[in-house]
């Protein structure tokens, strides 16, 4: 009987530790501190997006998930006038699926998917050369909310109107998933 009690207490402690370590923290800094460079070579200041929800996504032109550009554009068209913006960051770290330069990436996105949401220059989203904005997105010690790692192209990060990280959605989930749409529509 005592072994059963000890085992039960042990299991309860493991569950509590697991639940505690997987909770989201409190935001400590905002994405509004970052400036990046667009595909056109212009400075893009996230401080200009105060009051808007932002969906950040790392993209690639030669990926199995590349058709998500269509869904992203549709989502952007539907909500762009409702304080919502998508920002794309091309990345060549996953299977070398974004080999093009800025002009080639822009031409591909425009011609094949009619992309009109802002696209930034190609960056690193993981590893030693990770771009500062993605370091912030993926490191709880910087954003205060959670740590994550970018697993593949088209991973999506949700940023609230105050510039705080809310959550992320993996590549397998399309941009128009209920989880993202409900987040955009909630007041």
N, C-alpha and C. Protein backbone atom coordinates (compact mmCIF):
# COMPACT_ATOMS: atom_id res chain seq x y z
N UNK A 1 0.82 -1.20 0.00
CA UNK A 1 0.00 0.00 0.00
C UNK A 1 0.87 1.26 0.00
N UNK A 2 1.92 1.29 0.80
CA UNK A 2 2.79 2.47 0.84
C UNK A 2 3.47 2.71 -0.50
N UNK A 3 3.85 1.63 -1.21
CA UNK A 3 4.47 1.78 -2.52
C UNK A 3 3.50 2.43 -3.50
N UNK A 4 2.23 2.08 -3.40
CA UNK A 4 1.20 2.66 -4.27
C UNK A 4 1.05 4.16 -4.01
N UNK A 5 1.09 4.55 -2.75
CA UNK A 5 0.96 5.97 -2.39
C UNK A 5 2.19 6.74 -2.90
N UNK A 6 3.37 6.19 -2.67
CA UNK A 6 4.59 6.84 -3.13
C UNK A 6 4.58 6.97 -4.66
N UNK A 7 4.17 5.91 -5.34
CA UNK A 7 4.09 5.95 -6.79
C UNK A 7 3.09 7.01 -7.25
N UNK A 8 1.94 7.08 -6.60
CA UNK A 8 0.92 8.09 -6.95
C UNK A 8 1.43 9.50 -6.74
N UNK A 9 2.13 9.73 -5.65
CA UNK A 9 2.69 11.06 -5.37
C UNK A 9 3.74 11.40 -6.43
N UNK A 10 4.57 10.42 -6.76
CA UNK A 10 5.60 10.63 -7.79
C UNK A 10 4.99 11.00 -9.13
N UNK A 11 3.96 10.29 -9.51
CA UNK A 11 3.27 10.59 -10.78
C UNK A 11 2.66 11.99 -10.74
N UNK A 12 2.04 12.33 -9.63
CA UNK A 12 1.43 13.67 -9.48
C UNK A 12 2.49 14.76 -9.59
N UNK A 13 3.65 14.54 -8.99
CA UNK A 13 4.72 15.54 -9.07
C UNK A 13 5.23 15.70 -10.50
N UNK A 14 5.38 14.59 -11.20
CA UNK A 14 5.83 14.66 -12.60
C UNK A 14 4.82 15.44 -13.43
N UNK A 15 3.54 15.19 -13.25
CA UNK A 15 2.49 15.90 -13.99
C UNK A 15 2.54 17.39 -13.67
N UNK A 16 2.71 17.73 -12.39
CA UNK A 16 2.76 19.15 -12.00
C UNK A 16 3.98 19.85 -12.61
N UNK A 17 5.14 19.19 -12.58
CA UNK A 17 6.34 19.79 -13.16
C UNK A 17 6.15 19.98 -14.66
N UNK A 18 5.60 18.97 -15.34
CA UNK A 18 5.37 19.07 -16.77
C UNK A 18 4.41 20.22 -17.09
N UNK A 19 3.33 20.33 -16.35
CA UNK A 19 2.35 21.39 -16.58
C UNK A 19 2.98 22.76 -16.33
N UNK A 20 3.76 22.88 -15.27
CA UNK A 20 4.38 24.15 -14.93
C UNK A 20 5.38 24.59 -16.00
N UNK A 21 6.20 23.66 -16.48
CA UNK A 21 7.23 24.04 -17.44
C UNK A 21 6.67 24.31 -18.82
N UNK A 22 5.45 23.89 -19.11
CA UNK A 22 4.87 24.13 -20.43
C UNK A 22 3.92 25.33 -20.45
N UNK A 23 3.81 26.03 -19.35
CA UNK A 23 2.95 27.21 -19.33
C UNK A 23 3.64 28.37 -20.03
N UNK A 24 2.83 29.20 -20.64
CA UNK A 24 3.37 30.39 -21.27
C UNK A 24 3.68 31.42 -20.20
N UNK A 25 4.69 32.19 -20.45
CA UNK A 25 5.08 33.23 -19.52
C UNK A 25 4.39 34.55 -19.84
N UNK A 26 4.88 35.58 -19.22
CA UNK A 26 4.36 36.93 -19.42
C UNK A 26 5.30 37.69 -20.36
N UNK A 27 4.75 38.36 -21.36
CA UNK A 27 5.61 39.09 -22.31
C UNK A 27 6.52 40.07 -21.59
N UNK A 28 7.76 40.13 -22.02
CA UNK A 28 8.73 41.06 -21.42
C UNK A 28 9.23 42.10 -22.41
N UNK A 29 9.02 41.86 -23.68
CA UNK A 29 9.44 42.83 -24.69
C UNK A 29 8.58 42.66 -25.94
N UNK A 30 8.64 43.66 -26.78
CA UNK A 30 7.77 43.74 -27.95
C UNK A 30 8.56 43.59 -29.25
N UNK A 31 7.89 43.09 -30.25
CA UNK A 31 8.49 42.98 -31.59
C UNK A 31 8.71 44.36 -32.20
N UNK A 32 8.09 45.38 -31.61
CA UNK A 32 8.18 46.74 -32.14
C UNK A 32 9.60 47.31 -32.06
N UNK A 33 10.50 46.62 -31.40
CA UNK A 33 11.90 47.07 -31.30
C UNK A 33 12.72 46.76 -32.56
N UNK A 34 12.16 45.95 -33.47
CA UNK A 34 12.95 45.46 -34.60
C UNK A 34 12.73 46.25 -35.88
N UNK A 35 13.83 46.38 -36.62
CA UNK A 35 13.81 46.90 -37.99
C UNK A 35 14.48 45.83 -38.84
N UNK A 36 13.87 45.55 -39.99
CA UNK A 36 14.40 44.57 -40.92
C UNK A 36 14.44 45.19 -42.31
N UNK A 37 14.93 44.44 -43.28
CA UNK A 37 15.02 44.94 -44.64
C UNK A 37 14.07 44.17 -45.55
N UNK A 38 13.31 44.88 -46.35
CA UNK A 38 12.35 44.26 -47.27
C UNK A 38 13.07 43.70 -48.49
N UNK A 39 12.34 42.92 -49.28
CA UNK A 39 12.89 42.40 -50.53
C UNK A 39 13.33 43.53 -51.46
N UNK A 40 12.70 44.68 -51.33
CA UNK A 40 13.04 45.85 -52.16
C UNK A 40 14.23 46.62 -51.61
N UNK A 41 14.78 46.18 -50.48
CA UNK A 41 15.94 46.84 -49.89
C UNK A 41 15.60 48.01 -48.99
N UNK A 42 14.33 48.16 -48.62
CA UNK A 42 13.90 49.26 -47.77
C UNK A 42 13.81 48.81 -46.31
N UNK A 43 14.01 49.76 -45.40
CA UNK A 43 13.88 49.47 -43.97
C UNK A 43 12.40 49.28 -43.64
N UNK A 44 12.11 48.20 -42.93
CA UNK A 44 10.75 47.91 -42.47
C UNK A 44 10.80 47.95 -40.95
N UNK A 45 10.10 48.91 -40.36
CA UNK A 45 10.14 49.15 -38.92
C UNK A 45 8.89 48.57 -38.27
N UNK A 46 9.06 47.57 -37.43
CA UNK A 46 7.92 46.94 -36.76
C UNK A 46 7.22 47.90 -35.80
N UNK A 47 7.88 48.98 -35.39
CA UNK A 47 7.22 49.98 -34.54
C UNK A 47 6.03 50.61 -35.26
N UNK A 48 6.06 50.59 -36.59
CA UNK A 48 4.95 51.16 -37.37
C UNK A 48 3.71 50.27 -37.33
N UNK A 49 3.83 49.09 -36.74
CA UNK A 49 2.70 48.15 -36.70
C UNK A 49 1.98 48.12 -35.35
N UNK A 50 2.28 49.09 -34.49
CA UNK A 50 1.58 49.14 -33.19
C UNK A 50 0.08 49.19 -33.43
N UNK A 51 -0.64 48.36 -32.68
CA UNK A 51 -2.10 48.30 -32.82
C UNK A 51 -2.58 47.25 -33.82
N UNK A 52 -1.64 46.55 -34.47
CA UNK A 52 -2.01 45.51 -35.45
C UNK A 52 -1.59 44.14 -34.97
N UNK A 53 -2.39 43.14 -35.30
CA UNK A 53 -1.98 41.76 -35.12
C UNK A 53 -1.11 41.40 -36.31
N UNK A 54 -0.06 40.62 -36.03
CA UNK A 54 0.91 40.28 -37.07
C UNK A 54 1.09 38.76 -37.11
N UNK A 55 1.09 38.22 -38.30
CA UNK A 55 1.43 36.82 -38.51
C UNK A 55 2.77 36.80 -39.24
N UNK A 56 3.77 36.24 -38.59
CA UNK A 56 5.11 36.15 -39.18
C UNK A 56 5.31 34.72 -39.65
N UNK A 57 5.83 34.57 -40.86
CA UNK A 57 6.01 33.23 -41.43
C UNK A 57 7.32 33.17 -42.21
N UNK A 58 8.08 32.09 -41.98
CA UNK A 58 9.29 31.87 -42.79
C UNK A 58 8.86 31.10 -44.04
N UNK A 59 9.31 31.55 -45.19
CA UNK A 59 8.80 31.04 -46.46
C UNK A 59 9.90 30.44 -47.33
N UNK A 60 9.48 29.71 -48.35
CA UNK A 60 10.40 29.14 -49.34
C UNK A 60 9.63 28.87 -50.62
N UNK A 61 10.28 29.07 -51.75
CA UNK A 61 9.63 28.95 -53.06
C UNK A 61 9.58 27.54 -53.62
N UNK A 62 10.40 26.64 -53.09
CA UNK A 62 10.48 25.29 -53.66
C UNK A 62 10.15 24.21 -52.62
N UNK A 63 9.19 24.48 -51.78
CA UNK A 63 8.83 23.60 -50.67
C UNK A 63 7.47 22.97 -50.92
N UNK A 64 7.23 21.84 -50.33
CA UNK A 64 5.91 21.22 -50.42
C UNK A 64 4.83 22.10 -49.81
N UNK A 65 5.21 23.00 -48.90
CA UNK A 65 4.25 23.91 -48.27
C UNK A 65 4.12 25.24 -49.02
N UNK A 66 4.86 25.43 -50.11
CA UNK A 66 4.81 26.68 -50.86
C UNK A 66 3.40 27.09 -51.26
N UNK A 67 2.49 26.16 -51.59
CA UNK A 67 1.11 26.58 -51.90
C UNK A 67 0.42 27.33 -50.75
N UNK A 68 1.01 27.31 -49.55
CA UNK A 68 0.44 28.11 -48.46
C UNK A 68 0.51 29.60 -48.76
N UNK A 69 1.35 30.01 -49.71
CA UNK A 69 1.35 31.41 -50.13
C UNK A 69 -0.06 31.84 -50.55
N UNK A 70 -0.77 30.96 -51.24
CA UNK A 70 -2.14 31.26 -51.69
C UNK A 70 -3.04 31.50 -50.48
N UNK A 71 -2.96 30.62 -49.49
CA UNK A 71 -3.78 30.77 -48.28
C UNK A 71 -3.38 32.02 -47.50
N UNK A 72 -2.09 32.29 -47.43
CA UNK A 72 -1.63 33.50 -46.73
C UNK A 72 -2.18 34.75 -47.41
N UNK A 73 -2.12 34.79 -48.74
CA UNK A 73 -2.62 35.95 -49.47
C UNK A 73 -4.11 36.12 -49.26
N UNK A 74 -4.86 35.02 -49.30
CA UNK A 74 -6.32 35.09 -49.06
C UNK A 74 -6.62 35.61 -47.65
N UNK A 75 -5.87 35.12 -46.67
CA UNK A 75 -6.06 35.57 -45.28
C UNK A 75 -5.73 37.06 -45.17
N UNK A 76 -4.66 37.47 -45.82
CA UNK A 76 -4.27 38.87 -45.80
C UNK A 76 -5.35 39.75 -46.45
N UNK A 77 -5.83 39.34 -47.59
CA UNK A 77 -6.88 40.10 -48.28
C UNK A 77 -8.13 40.24 -47.41
N UNK A 78 -8.49 39.19 -46.73
CA UNK A 78 -9.71 39.20 -45.92
C UNK A 78 -9.59 40.10 -44.69
N UNK A 79 -8.40 40.15 -44.08
CA UNK A 79 -8.27 40.85 -42.79
C UNK A 79 -7.36 42.07 -42.80
N UNK A 80 -6.78 42.43 -43.93
CA UNK A 80 -5.80 43.54 -43.95
C UNK A 80 -6.40 44.87 -43.51
N UNK A 81 -7.70 45.05 -43.69
CA UNK A 81 -8.35 46.30 -43.27
C UNK A 81 -8.88 46.21 -41.84
N UNK A 82 -8.52 45.14 -41.15
CA UNK A 82 -8.97 44.94 -39.76
C UNK A 82 -7.77 44.84 -38.83
N UNK A 83 -6.79 45.72 -39.05
CA UNK A 83 -5.59 45.78 -38.22
C UNK A 83 -4.84 44.46 -38.15
N UNK A 84 -4.63 43.85 -39.30
CA UNK A 84 -3.91 42.59 -39.40
C UNK A 84 -2.91 42.66 -40.54
N UNK A 85 -1.73 42.09 -40.32
CA UNK A 85 -0.69 42.10 -41.34
C UNK A 85 0.08 40.79 -41.30
N UNK A 86 0.45 40.31 -42.45
CA UNK A 86 1.34 39.16 -42.57
C UNK A 86 2.69 39.68 -43.02
N UNK A 87 3.76 39.14 -42.43
CA UNK A 87 5.11 39.49 -42.83
C UNK A 87 5.85 38.19 -43.12
N UNK A 88 6.35 38.06 -44.36
CA UNK A 88 7.06 36.86 -44.77
C UNK A 88 8.57 37.05 -44.72
N UNK A 89 9.24 36.01 -44.27
CA UNK A 89 10.70 36.00 -44.22
C UNK A 89 11.22 34.78 -44.98
N UNK A 90 11.67 34.94 -46.23
CA UNK A 90 12.25 33.83 -46.97
C UNK A 90 13.46 33.27 -46.22
N UNK A 91 13.61 31.96 -46.32
CA UNK A 91 14.71 31.28 -45.63
C UNK A 91 15.14 30.07 -46.46
N UNK A 92 16.43 29.85 -46.55
CA UNK A 92 16.96 28.75 -47.35
C UNK A 92 17.56 27.65 -46.47
N UNK A 93 17.19 27.60 -45.20
CA UNK A 93 17.81 26.65 -44.27
C UNK A 93 17.19 25.25 -44.29
N UNK A 94 16.08 25.07 -44.91
CA UNK A 94 15.40 23.78 -44.89
C UNK A 94 15.40 23.19 -46.30
N UNK A 95 16.31 22.28 -46.55
CA UNK A 95 16.39 21.62 -47.85
C UNK A 95 16.79 22.53 -48.99
N UNK A 96 17.41 23.68 -48.69
CA UNK A 96 17.80 24.64 -49.74
C UNK A 96 16.63 24.95 -50.67
N UNK A 97 15.47 25.17 -50.07
CA UNK A 97 14.25 25.36 -50.85
C UNK A 97 13.92 26.82 -51.16
N UNK A 98 14.85 27.71 -50.81
CA UNK A 98 14.70 29.12 -51.20
C UNK A 98 16.04 29.63 -51.70
N UNK A 99 16.47 29.16 -52.89
CA UNK A 99 17.79 29.51 -53.41
C UNK A 99 17.87 30.89 -54.05
N UNK A 100 16.76 31.51 -54.37
CA UNK A 100 16.77 32.75 -55.14
C UNK A 100 17.24 33.96 -54.37
N UNK A 101 17.54 35.02 -55.13
CA UNK A 101 17.87 36.31 -54.53
C UNK A 101 16.56 37.10 -54.33
N UNK A 102 16.67 38.29 -53.79
CA UNK A 102 15.48 39.09 -53.48
C UNK A 102 14.58 39.32 -54.69
N UNK A 103 15.19 39.66 -55.83
CA UNK A 103 14.39 39.93 -57.03
C UNK A 103 13.68 38.67 -57.51
N UNK A 104 14.36 37.55 -57.47
CA UNK A 104 13.76 36.28 -57.90
C UNK A 104 12.63 35.85 -56.97
N UNK A 105 12.84 36.03 -55.67
CA UNK A 105 11.81 35.67 -54.69
C UNK A 105 10.57 36.54 -54.91
N UNK A 106 10.78 37.85 -55.05
CA UNK A 106 9.65 38.76 -55.26
C UNK A 106 8.90 38.40 -56.54
N UNK A 107 9.61 38.14 -57.62
CA UNK A 107 8.98 37.78 -58.90
C UNK A 107 8.19 36.48 -58.76
N UNK A 108 8.75 35.50 -58.09
CA UNK A 108 8.07 34.22 -57.89
C UNK A 108 6.77 34.41 -57.10
N UNK A 109 6.85 35.14 -55.99
CA UNK A 109 5.67 35.34 -55.12
C UNK A 109 4.57 36.12 -55.85
N UNK A 110 4.95 37.12 -56.59
CA UNK A 110 3.99 37.95 -57.31
C UNK A 110 3.35 37.19 -58.46
N UNK A 111 4.17 36.56 -59.27
CA UNK A 111 3.68 35.85 -60.46
C UNK A 111 2.81 34.64 -60.11
N UNK A 112 3.26 33.84 -59.15
CA UNK A 112 2.59 32.57 -58.87
C UNK A 112 1.47 32.67 -57.83
N UNK A 113 1.56 33.63 -56.92
CA UNK A 113 0.58 33.69 -55.84
C UNK A 113 -0.02 35.08 -55.61
N UNK A 114 0.39 36.06 -56.38
CA UNK A 114 -0.16 37.41 -56.23
C UNK A 114 0.09 38.01 -54.87
N UNK A 115 1.21 37.68 -54.25
CA UNK A 115 1.52 38.13 -52.89
C UNK A 115 1.63 39.65 -52.84
N UNK A 116 0.86 40.26 -51.94
CA UNK A 116 0.94 41.71 -51.73
C UNK A 116 1.30 42.06 -50.29
N UNK A 117 1.34 41.07 -49.40
CA UNK A 117 1.77 41.36 -48.03
C UNK A 117 3.28 41.55 -48.01
N UNK A 118 3.81 42.25 -47.03
CA UNK A 118 5.25 42.55 -47.00
C UNK A 118 6.12 41.29 -46.92
N UNK A 119 7.13 41.26 -47.77
CA UNK A 119 8.12 40.19 -47.76
C UNK A 119 9.49 40.81 -47.48
N UNK A 120 10.20 40.22 -46.56
CA UNK A 120 11.51 40.73 -46.16
C UNK A 120 12.62 39.98 -46.89
N UNK A 121 13.84 40.46 -46.71
CA UNK A 121 14.98 39.79 -47.32
C UNK A 121 15.19 38.42 -46.67
N UNK A 122 15.88 37.56 -47.37
CA UNK A 122 16.15 36.20 -46.90
C UNK A 122 17.00 36.25 -45.64
N UNK A 123 16.64 35.43 -44.65
CA UNK A 123 17.34 35.42 -43.37
C UNK A 123 17.53 33.98 -42.88
N UNK A 124 18.25 33.87 -41.77
CA UNK A 124 18.37 32.61 -41.04
C UNK A 124 17.37 32.63 -39.88
N UNK A 125 16.66 31.52 -39.69
CA UNK A 125 15.65 31.45 -38.63
C UNK A 125 16.06 30.49 -37.51
N UNK A 126 17.27 29.95 -37.61
CA UNK A 126 17.80 29.07 -36.57
C UNK A 126 19.32 29.03 -36.69
N UNK A 127 19.97 28.48 -35.68
CA UNK A 127 21.41 28.30 -35.72
C UNK A 127 22.20 29.52 -35.29
N UNK A 128 23.51 29.44 -35.49
CA UNK A 128 24.41 30.50 -35.04
C UNK A 128 24.18 31.85 -35.71
N UNK A 129 23.68 31.83 -36.94
CA UNK A 129 23.47 33.07 -37.69
C UNK A 129 22.01 33.54 -37.66
N UNK A 130 21.24 33.06 -36.70
CA UNK A 130 19.81 33.41 -36.61
C UNK A 130 19.63 34.93 -36.59
N UNK A 131 18.66 35.40 -37.35
CA UNK A 131 18.35 36.83 -37.38
C UNK A 131 17.81 37.26 -36.01
N UNK A 132 18.12 38.47 -35.57
CA UNK A 132 17.67 38.93 -34.24
C UNK A 132 16.16 38.79 -34.02
N UNK A 133 15.36 39.06 -35.05
CA UNK A 133 13.91 38.97 -34.87
C UNK A 133 13.49 37.52 -34.60
N UNK A 134 14.13 36.57 -35.25
CA UNK A 134 13.80 35.16 -35.00
C UNK A 134 14.41 34.67 -33.70
N UNK A 135 15.52 35.24 -33.28
CA UNK A 135 16.05 34.92 -31.95
C UNK A 135 15.01 35.33 -30.92
N UNK A 136 14.44 36.51 -31.09
CA UNK A 136 13.41 37.00 -30.17
C UNK A 136 12.17 36.09 -30.22
N UNK A 137 11.73 35.74 -31.42
CA UNK A 137 10.54 34.90 -31.57
C UNK A 137 10.69 33.54 -30.89
N UNK A 138 11.88 32.99 -30.88
CA UNK A 138 12.09 31.62 -30.44
C UNK A 138 12.72 31.47 -29.06
N UNK A 139 13.01 32.56 -28.38
CA UNK A 139 13.72 32.49 -27.10
C UNK A 139 12.91 33.17 -25.98
N UNK A 140 12.42 32.36 -25.06
CA UNK A 140 11.60 32.88 -23.95
C UNK A 140 12.34 33.91 -23.12
N UNK A 141 13.66 33.77 -23.00
CA UNK A 141 14.39 34.75 -22.20
C UNK A 141 14.36 36.14 -22.84
N UNK A 142 14.01 36.21 -24.13
CA UNK A 142 13.92 37.49 -24.82
C UNK A 142 12.48 37.98 -24.97
N UNK A 143 11.55 37.06 -25.28
CA UNK A 143 10.15 37.46 -25.50
C UNK A 143 9.29 37.32 -24.25
N UNK A 144 9.73 36.53 -23.28
CA UNK A 144 8.99 36.36 -22.02
C UNK A 144 7.86 35.36 -22.07
N UNK A 145 7.51 34.87 -23.24
CA UNK A 145 6.33 34.03 -23.39
C UNK A 145 6.67 32.56 -23.54
N UNK A 146 7.50 32.23 -24.52
CA UNK A 146 7.82 30.83 -24.78
C UNK A 146 9.04 30.70 -25.66
N UNK A 147 9.65 29.54 -25.57
CA UNK A 147 10.72 29.19 -26.50
C UNK A 147 10.16 28.20 -27.52
N UNK A 148 10.73 28.22 -28.69
CA UNK A 148 10.33 27.28 -29.74
C UNK A 148 11.51 27.14 -30.68
N UNK A 149 11.39 26.22 -31.60
CA UNK A 149 12.40 26.12 -32.66
C UNK A 149 11.65 26.01 -33.97
N UNK A 150 12.19 26.64 -34.98
CA UNK A 150 11.56 26.59 -36.29
C UNK A 150 11.92 25.23 -36.89
N UNK A 151 10.91 24.43 -37.17
CA UNK A 151 11.12 23.07 -37.64
C UNK A 151 11.23 22.98 -39.16
N UNK A 152 10.52 23.87 -39.88
CA UNK A 152 10.53 23.81 -41.34
C UNK A 152 9.97 25.11 -41.89
N UNK A 153 9.92 25.22 -43.20
CA UNK A 153 9.34 26.38 -43.87
C UNK A 153 7.86 26.52 -43.51
N UNK A 154 7.40 27.73 -43.48
CA UNK A 154 5.99 28.09 -43.26
C UNK A 154 5.51 27.83 -41.83
N UNK A 155 6.42 27.98 -40.86
CA UNK A 155 5.99 28.01 -39.45
C UNK A 155 5.51 29.42 -39.18
N UNK A 156 4.40 29.54 -38.46
CA UNK A 156 3.74 30.83 -38.29
C UNK A 156 3.78 31.29 -36.83
N UNK A 157 4.11 32.57 -36.62
CA UNK A 157 4.14 33.16 -35.28
C UNK A 157 3.07 34.23 -35.19
N UNK A 158 2.31 34.21 -34.10
CA UNK A 158 1.21 35.13 -33.87
C UNK A 158 1.66 36.20 -32.88
N UNK A 159 1.53 37.46 -33.29
CA UNK A 159 1.94 38.61 -32.49
C UNK A 159 0.71 39.49 -32.27
N UNK A 160 0.45 39.86 -31.01
CA UNK A 160 -0.76 40.66 -30.73
C UNK A 160 -0.54 42.14 -31.04
N UNK A 161 -1.58 42.93 -30.78
CA UNK A 161 -1.59 44.36 -31.11
C UNK A 161 -0.53 45.16 -30.36
N UNK A 162 -0.07 44.61 -29.22
CA UNK A 162 0.95 45.28 -28.43
C UNK A 162 2.36 44.85 -28.82
N UNK A 163 2.44 43.96 -29.81
CA UNK A 163 3.74 43.48 -30.27
C UNK A 163 4.26 42.29 -29.49
N UNK A 164 3.40 41.67 -28.68
CA UNK A 164 3.82 40.54 -27.87
C UNK A 164 3.55 39.22 -28.58
N UNK A 165 4.48 38.30 -28.43
CA UNK A 165 4.30 36.95 -28.96
C UNK A 165 3.14 36.29 -28.24
N UNK A 166 2.25 35.66 -29.01
CA UNK A 166 1.09 34.97 -28.46
C UNK A 166 1.28 33.46 -28.55
N UNK A 167 1.69 32.99 -29.73
CA UNK A 167 1.77 31.55 -29.97
C UNK A 167 2.44 31.32 -31.32
N UNK A 168 2.60 30.07 -31.67
CA UNK A 168 3.06 29.73 -33.01
C UNK A 168 2.29 28.53 -33.51
N UNK A 169 2.28 28.36 -34.82
CA UNK A 169 1.57 27.27 -35.48
C UNK A 169 2.55 26.61 -36.44
N UNK A 170 2.64 25.30 -36.38
CA UNK A 170 3.64 24.61 -37.21
C UNK A 170 3.27 24.63 -38.69
N UNK A 171 4.21 24.20 -39.48
CA UNK A 171 4.09 24.24 -40.94
C UNK A 171 2.94 23.41 -41.48
N UNK A 172 2.63 22.32 -40.81
CA UNK A 172 1.58 21.41 -41.28
C UNK A 172 0.20 22.08 -41.28
N UNK A 173 0.01 23.05 -40.41
CA UNK A 173 -1.27 23.74 -40.30
C UNK A 173 -1.31 24.90 -41.29
N UNK A 174 -2.38 24.94 -42.06
CA UNK A 174 -2.53 26.00 -43.05
C UNK A 174 -2.82 27.34 -42.36
N UNK A 175 -2.52 28.43 -43.03
CA UNK A 175 -2.75 29.76 -42.45
C UNK A 175 -4.21 30.04 -42.12
N UNK A 176 -5.14 29.41 -42.85
CA UNK A 176 -6.56 29.67 -42.61
C UNK A 176 -7.18 28.68 -41.63
N UNK A 177 -6.35 28.02 -40.83
CA UNK A 177 -6.85 27.13 -39.79
C UNK A 177 -7.69 27.91 -38.79
N UNK A 178 -8.65 27.25 -38.18
CA UNK A 178 -9.52 27.92 -37.20
C UNK A 178 -8.72 28.59 -36.09
N UNK A 179 -7.64 27.97 -35.68
CA UNK A 179 -6.83 28.53 -34.60
C UNK A 179 -6.33 29.93 -34.96
N UNK A 180 -5.87 30.11 -36.18
CA UNK A 180 -5.36 31.43 -36.60
C UNK A 180 -6.52 32.38 -36.88
N UNK A 181 -7.52 31.94 -37.60
CA UNK A 181 -8.67 32.80 -37.93
C UNK A 181 -9.35 33.29 -36.65
N UNK A 182 -9.60 32.39 -35.69
CA UNK A 182 -10.24 32.79 -34.44
C UNK A 182 -9.40 33.80 -33.68
N UNK A 183 -8.08 33.62 -33.71
CA UNK A 183 -7.18 34.58 -33.05
C UNK A 183 -7.28 35.96 -33.73
N UNK A 184 -7.29 35.99 -35.05
CA UNK A 184 -7.40 37.26 -35.76
C UNK A 184 -8.71 37.96 -35.42
N UNK A 185 -9.79 37.20 -35.36
CA UNK A 185 -11.12 37.78 -35.17
C UNK A 185 -11.45 38.15 -33.74
N UNK A 186 -10.73 37.58 -32.75
CA UNK A 186 -11.04 37.91 -31.37
C UNK A 186 -10.65 39.34 -31.04
N UNK A 187 -11.45 39.96 -30.25
CA UNK A 187 -11.23 41.38 -29.88
C UNK A 187 -10.41 41.49 -28.64
